[in-house]
Amino acid sequence: MPLDPSRRRTLAGIAFVAASALGYGAMPVFARLAYREGVEPRSLLLLRFSMAAAVTWAIFALRRGRLPARRGLLTLVGMGAIGYAGQSFCYFTALTLASAGLVALLLYLYPALVALLSWLVLRHPLGRVQLGALAMALLGSLLTIGRAGDGSALGVAFGLGAALIYSVYILVGAGLPADVTPVASTAVVTSAAAAVYALQAAVGGVQLPVTAAGWLGVGGVVLLGTVMAIACFLAGLERLGAVRTSVYSTLEPVFTLALSAALLDEALTPLRLLGGALILGAVLLLARAGAAGADGPADAPAAGAAA
């Protein structure tokens, strides 16, 4: 019996988001492979953002997209040059100081941080579901970090910094005008971030890979962890909406944990698995609250959109 068009659209959206989560989940693994071959984070980020900007502008042109008005455009430029560039710097620097699995799980504290900042700064009330999710996320983060045996305290700090910056990024993005589309915002934000790293490269130079393994790591970050991940994310977002996309995107750290264990020999301790389960459970609770109409992180793009 053939599926009705609505069902096919939903299943296609789930497949796209799962592919996006796999790409984003593999990105920190490829980044650590590149680091082993002498590539430094700023050069890697320049290549990543430049390629991402080129691809999203191509999608923008094919769809005959329109740029937002001046206010929205300037906000997007600031989000890219400050928020996206800063968050990615913290995230990719954390990967030089801690395991890929630990950094990926720390980033996924962002929904709980968005809810907390919404309460502290914007005075949005927190219901019982949000409070329970915050408690779960806090306990999960404590179990996940543990003694940080596979990463330094500085690596944990950079990982938490990435989650915090991304939380602020989401709150700013939630106030964007209605004429800002996902493709236009991705194109402008990645271009602004690429410009920041291009300026840094003009001053400090670029350190490109010198081995095939190094180029494999860079290629994985750029092609799978950025180009494919962004394209699939946008396709899934279009079919599922922000809430369901954020739920299915919780596959991202699961893929990272599995790939880092298989390819990088990173240990999966019972406490870390329990902590990760609590963090992802908090994400699902907050997404459910968002689906019910509450203010919170479920109304924002999933983490992979800016990792």
Protein backbone atom coordinates (compact mmCIF):
# COMPACT_ATOMS: atom_id res chain seq x y z
CA MET A 1 0.00 0.00 0.00
CA PRO A 2 1.60 3.29 -1.10
CA LEU A 3 2.22 5.95 1.51
CA ASP A 4 0.25 9.18 1.33
CA PRO A 5 2.23 12.32 0.37
CA SER A 6 2.20 13.71 3.91
CA ARG A 7 3.66 10.49 5.33
CA ARG A 8 6.31 10.35 2.61
CA ARG A 9 7.25 13.96 3.33
CA THR A 10 7.62 13.23 7.04
CA LEU A 11 9.73 10.12 6.46
CA ALA A 12 11.92 12.01 3.99
CA GLY A 13 12.35 14.78 6.57
CA ILE A 14 13.40 12.27 9.24
CA ALA A 15 15.91 10.71 6.82
CA PHE A 16 17.36 14.13 5.96
CA VAL A 17 17.74 15.11 9.63
CA ALA A 18 19.30 11.74 10.47
CA ALA A 19 21.81 12.22 7.63
CA SER A 20 22.52 15.73 8.89
CA ALA A 21 23.03 14.44 12.44
CA LEU A 22 25.43 11.80 11.11
CA GLY A 23 27.43 14.47 9.27
CA TYR A 24 27.57 16.79 12.26
CA GLY A 25 28.26 13.85 14.56
CA ALA A 26 31.22 12.76 12.42
CA MET A 27 32.65 16.28 12.24
CA PRO A 28 34.50 16.29 15.60
CA VAL A 29 35.98 12.88 14.77
CA PHE A 30 37.34 14.19 11.46
CA ALA A 31 38.57 17.33 13.22
CA ARG A 32 40.62 15.29 15.69
CA LEU A 33 42.06 13.28 12.79
CA ALA A 34 43.11 16.55 11.13
CA TYR A 35 44.65 17.81 14.38
CA ARG A 36 46.74 14.66 14.64
CA GLU A 37 48.28 15.60 11.27
CA GLY A 38 49.23 19.11 12.36
CA VAL A 39 46.22 21.14 11.19
CA GLU A 40 45.32 23.95 13.60
CA PRO A 41 41.73 24.99 14.42
CA ARG A 42 41.66 28.44 12.76
CA SER A 43 42.83 27.11 9.38
CA LEU A 44 40.30 24.28 9.61
CA LEU A 45 37.50 26.74 10.40
CA LEU A 46 38.47 28.99 7.49
CA LEU A 47 38.17 26.07 5.07
CA ARG A 48 34.94 24.92 6.70
CA PHE A 49 33.13 28.25 6.63
CA SER A 50 34.33 29.21 3.16
CA MET A 51 33.00 25.99 1.67
CA ALA A 52 29.77 26.19 3.67
CA ALA A 53 29.16 29.75 2.50
CA ALA A 54 29.76 28.79 -1.15
CA VAL A 55 27.31 25.87 -0.97
CA THR A 56 24.56 27.75 0.85
CA TRP A 57 24.81 30.72 -1.52
CA ALA A 58 24.42 28.25 -4.41
CA ILE A 59 21.27 26.84 -2.75
CA PHE A 60 20.09 30.41 -2.15
CA ALA A 61 20.53 31.25 -5.85
CA LEU A 62 18.81 28.07 -7.05
CA ARG A 63 15.83 28.84 -4.84
CA ARG A 64 15.88 32.47 -5.93
CA GLY A 65 15.97 33.53 -2.32
CA ARG A 66 15.71 37.07 -1.06
CA LEU A 67 17.89 38.74 1.51
CA PRO A 68 16.15 40.17 4.57
CA ALA A 69 15.76 43.88 5.17
CA ARG A 70 18.56 45.93 6.75
CA ARG A 71 17.78 45.14 10.39
CA GLY A 72 17.64 41.40 9.83
CA LEU A 73 20.70 41.44 7.60
CA LEU A 74 22.82 43.32 10.14
CA THR A 75 21.68 40.99 12.92
CA LEU A 76 22.69 37.95 10.85
CA VAL A 77 26.11 39.45 10.13
CA GLY A 78 26.65 40.00 13.86
CA MET A 79 25.44 36.48 14.65
CA GLY A 80 27.95 35.07 12.19
CA ALA A 81 30.95 37.26 12.98
CA ILE A 82 30.53 37.08 16.76
CA GLY A 83 28.24 34.21 17.70
CA TYR A 84 28.95 31.57 15.05
CA ALA A 85 32.68 32.34 14.80
CA GLY A 86 33.06 32.48 18.60
CA GLN A 87 31.06 29.32 19.24
CA SER A 88 32.96 27.37 16.60
CA PHE A 89 36.30 28.59 17.92
CA CYS A 90 35.41 27.34 21.41
CA TYR A 91 34.06 24.05 20.06
CA PHE A 92 37.00 23.25 17.78
CA THR A 93 39.52 24.38 20.40
CA ALA A 94 37.85 22.10 22.95
CA LEU A 95 38.42 19.22 20.52
CA THR A 96 42.18 19.78 20.86
CA LEU A 97 41.93 19.48 24.65
CA ALA A 98 39.21 16.89 25.27
CA SER A 99 37.64 13.85 23.64
CA ALA A 100 35.16 14.23 20.78
CA GLY A 101 32.44 12.46 22.77
CA LEU A 102 32.83 14.73 25.80
CA VAL A 103 32.78 17.92 23.71
CA ALA A 104 29.72 16.78 21.72
CA LEU A 105 27.75 16.05 24.89
CA LEU A 106 28.74 19.36 26.49
CA LEU A 107 27.43 21.24 23.44
CA TYR A 108 24.06 19.58 23.90
CA LEU A 109 23.58 21.44 27.16
CA TYR A 110 22.46 24.36 24.98
CA PRO A 111 18.67 23.72 25.20
CA ALA A 112 18.77 23.77 28.99
CA LEU A 113 20.94 26.91 28.92
CA VAL A 114 18.49 28.60 26.54
CA ALA A 115 15.63 27.85 28.94
CA LEU A 116 17.69 29.13 31.89
CA LEU A 117 18.76 32.33 30.10
CA SER A 118 15.19 32.91 28.92
CA TRP A 119 14.11 32.83 32.55
CA LEU A 120 16.97 34.96 33.89
CA VAL A 121 17.16 37.57 31.12
CA LEU A 122 13.80 37.55 29.34
CA ARG A 123 11.72 36.64 32.41
CA HIS A 124 10.02 33.75 30.62
CA PRO A 125 8.39 31.53 33.26
CA LEU A 126 9.64 27.97 33.68
CA GLY A 127 7.07 25.23 34.12
CA ARG A 128 7.57 21.90 35.85
CA VAL A 129 8.73 20.23 32.63
CA GLN A 130 11.41 22.87 32.04
CA LEU A 131 12.58 22.74 35.65
CA GLY A 132 12.78 18.96 35.52
CA ALA A 133 14.72 19.13 32.26
CA LEU A 134 17.16 21.66 33.75
CA ALA A 135 17.78 19.36 36.71
CA MET A 136 18.34 16.42 34.37
CA ALA A 137 20.75 18.42 32.21
CA LEU A 138 22.73 19.60 35.25
CA LEU A 139 23.04 16.09 36.67
CA GLY A 140 23.87 14.74 33.23
CA SER A 141 26.63 17.30 32.73
CA LEU A 142 28.18 16.43 36.11
CA LEU A 143 28.20 12.73 35.23
CA THR A 144 29.46 13.43 31.70
CA ILE A 145 32.36 15.59 32.82
CA GLY A 146 33.28 13.47 35.83
CA ARG A 147 36.98 13.86 36.39
CA ALA A 148 37.42 14.75 32.69
CA GLY A 149 39.98 11.97 32.43
CA ASP A 150 39.97 12.25 28.63
CA GLY A 151 40.24 16.03 28.61
CA SER A 152 41.70 18.94 30.53
CA ALA A 153 39.73 21.38 32.64
CA LEU A 154 40.43 23.99 29.95
CA GLY A 155 38.89 21.68 27.34
CA VAL A 156 35.76 21.34 29.46
CA ALA A 157 35.65 25.13 29.87
CA PHE A 158 35.85 25.66 26.10
CA GLY A 159 33.14 23.03 25.58
CA LEU A 160 30.84 24.75 28.07
CA GLY A 161 31.72 28.10 26.48
CA ALA A 162 30.60 26.78 23.09
CA ALA A 163 27.24 25.71 24.56
CA LEU A 164 26.77 29.08 26.30
CA ILE A 165 27.63 31.15 23.21
CA TYR A 166 25.31 29.04 21.10
CA SER A 167 22.51 29.56 23.64
CA VAL A 168 22.87 33.34 23.33
CA TYR A 169 23.04 32.93 19.53
CA ILE A 170 19.69 31.13 19.60
CA LEU A 171 18.04 33.76 21.78
CA VAL A 172 19.21 36.48 19.38
CA GLY A 173 18.06 34.44 16.40
CA ALA A 174 14.62 33.96 17.97
CA GLY A 175 14.09 37.71 17.63
CA LEU A 176 14.87 37.87 13.91
CA PRO A 177 12.25 39.48 11.65
CA ALA A 178 9.78 37.24 9.84
CA ASP A 179 11.39 37.88 6.43
CA VAL A 180 14.55 35.95 7.39
CA THR A 181 14.51 32.48 5.79
CA PRO A 182 16.68 29.49 6.89
CA VAL A 183 18.71 29.45 3.66
CA ALA A 184 19.34 33.21 3.68
CA SER A 185 20.31 33.18 7.35
CA THR A 186 22.71 30.25 6.87
CA ALA A 187 24.34 31.89 3.85
CA VAL A 188 24.88 35.23 5.59
CA VAL A 189 25.97 33.76 8.92
CA THR A 190 28.52 31.38 7.40
CA SER A 191 29.85 34.15 5.14
CA ALA A 192 30.34 36.49 8.11
CA ALA A 193 32.13 33.75 10.05
CA ALA A 194 34.30 32.95 7.01
CA ALA A 195 35.25 36.63 6.76
CA VAL A 196 36.43 36.63 10.39
CA TYR A 197 38.71 33.66 9.82
CA ALA A 198 39.91 35.07 6.49
CA LEU A 199 41.07 38.19 8.36
CA GLN A 200 42.84 36.02 10.92
CA ALA A 201 44.50 34.04 8.13
CA ALA A 202 45.67 37.27 6.48
CA VAL A 203 47.45 38.18 9.72
CA GLY A 204 48.63 34.81 11.01
CA GLY A 205 48.73 32.69 7.86
CA VAL A 206 47.10 29.35 7.04
CA GLN A 207 48.40 25.97 8.12
CA LEU A 208 47.23 23.43 5.54
CA PRO A 209 47.58 19.65 5.86
CA VAL A 210 50.77 18.08 4.56
CA THR A 211 49.61 14.45 4.61
CA ALA A 212 46.82 12.49 2.96
CA ALA A 213 45.36 11.70 6.39
CA GLY A 214 45.31 15.41 7.21
CA TRP A 215 43.41 16.21 4.02
CA LEU A 216 41.03 13.34 4.78
CA GLY A 217 40.24 14.94 8.13
CA VAL A 218 39.72 18.38 6.56
CA GLY A 219 37.64 16.89 3.75
CA GLY A 220 35.42 15.10 6.25
CA VAL A 221 34.83 18.29 8.24
CA VAL A 222 34.12 20.38 5.13
CA LEU A 223 32.18 17.95 2.91
CA LEU A 224 30.37 15.66 5.38
CA GLY A 225 30.30 17.72 8.58
CA THR A 226 29.39 20.99 6.88
CA VAL A 227 28.21 20.85 3.25
CA MET A 228 26.17 17.65 3.47
CA ALA A 229 25.06 18.34 7.04
CA ILE A 230 23.80 21.86 6.28
CA ALA A 231 22.01 20.83 3.08
CA CYS A 232 20.30 17.87 4.77
CA PHE A 233 19.46 19.93 7.84
CA LEU A 234 17.71 22.60 5.75
CA ALA A 235 15.84 19.92 3.77
CA GLY A 236 14.68 18.25 6.98
CA LEU A 237 13.78 21.55 8.63
CA GLU A 238 11.60 22.44 5.66
CA ARG A 239 9.67 19.17 5.95
CA LEU A 240 9.44 18.74 9.73
CA GLY A 241 9.58 22.20 11.31
CA ALA A 242 11.91 23.35 14.08
CA VAL A 243 10.50 21.31 16.99
CA ARG A 244 10.62 17.87 15.39
CA THR A 245 13.94 18.68 13.71
CA SER A 246 15.45 19.51 17.10
CA VAL A 247 14.20 16.19 18.50
CA TYR A 248 15.64 14.03 15.71
CA SER A 249 18.88 16.02 15.80
CA THR A 250 19.62 14.48 19.20
CA LEU A 251 21.07 11.62 17.15
CA GLU A 252 24.11 13.86 16.61
CA PRO A 253 25.99 13.22 19.89
CA VAL A 254 24.98 9.55 19.72
CA PHE A 255 26.76 9.27 16.37
CA THR A 256 29.76 11.15 17.78
CA LEU A 257 30.07 8.80 20.75
CA ALA A 258 29.80 5.73 18.53
CA LEU A 259 32.24 6.97 15.89
CA SER A 260 34.78 8.29 18.40
CA ALA A 261 34.74 4.94 20.19
CA ALA A 262 35.14 3.02 16.92
CA LEU A 263 37.68 5.26 15.15
CA LEU A 264 39.49 7.11 17.94
CA ASP A 265 39.41 4.42 20.63
CA GLU A 266 37.66 6.78 23.07
CA ALA A 267 36.30 5.02 26.13
CA LEU A 268 32.55 4.91 26.78
CA THR A 269 32.25 4.73 30.56
CA PRO A 270 28.91 3.82 32.17
CA LEU A 271 28.77 7.20 33.95
CA ARG A 272 29.31 9.09 30.70
CA LEU A 273 26.64 7.08 28.94
CA LEU A 274 24.23 7.77 31.80
CA GLY A 275 25.13 11.47 31.77
CA GLY A 276 24.64 11.65 28.02
CA ALA A 277 21.27 9.92 28.31
CA LEU A 278 20.15 12.47 30.93
CA ILE A 279 21.27 15.40 28.74
CA LEU A 280 19.46 14.04 25.68
CA GLY A 281 16.42 13.26 27.82
CA ALA A 282 16.38 16.90 28.91
CA VAL A 283 16.51 17.96 25.24
CA LEU A 284 13.51 15.77 24.43
CA LEU A 285 11.55 17.14 27.40
CA LEU A 286 12.24 20.72 26.34
CA ALA A 287 11.30 19.93 22.75
CA ARG A 288 8.01 18.45 23.98
CA ALA A 289 7.37 21.61 25.98
CA GLY A 290 8.10 23.65 22.86
CA ALA A 291 5.67 21.58 20.84
CA ALA A 292 3.03 22.35 23.43
CA GLY A 293 3.58 26.07 22.85
CA ALA A 294 5.96 26.96 25.67
CA ASP A 295 8.79 29.42 25.18
CA GLY A 296 12.12 27.70 24.96
CA PRO A 297 14.82 26.15 22.91
CA ALA A 298 12.66 23.85 20.88
CA ASP A 299 11.62 26.79 18.73
CA ALA A 300 15.20 27.40 17.66
CA PRO A 301 17.34 25.49 15.14
CA ALA A 302 19.00 22.29 16.29
CA ALA A 303 22.55 22.36 17.53
CA GLY A 304 24.07 21.05 14.37
CA ALA A 305 23.16 24.20 12.58
CA ALA A 306 25.97 25.99 14.27
CA ALA A 307 28.35 23.43 15.64
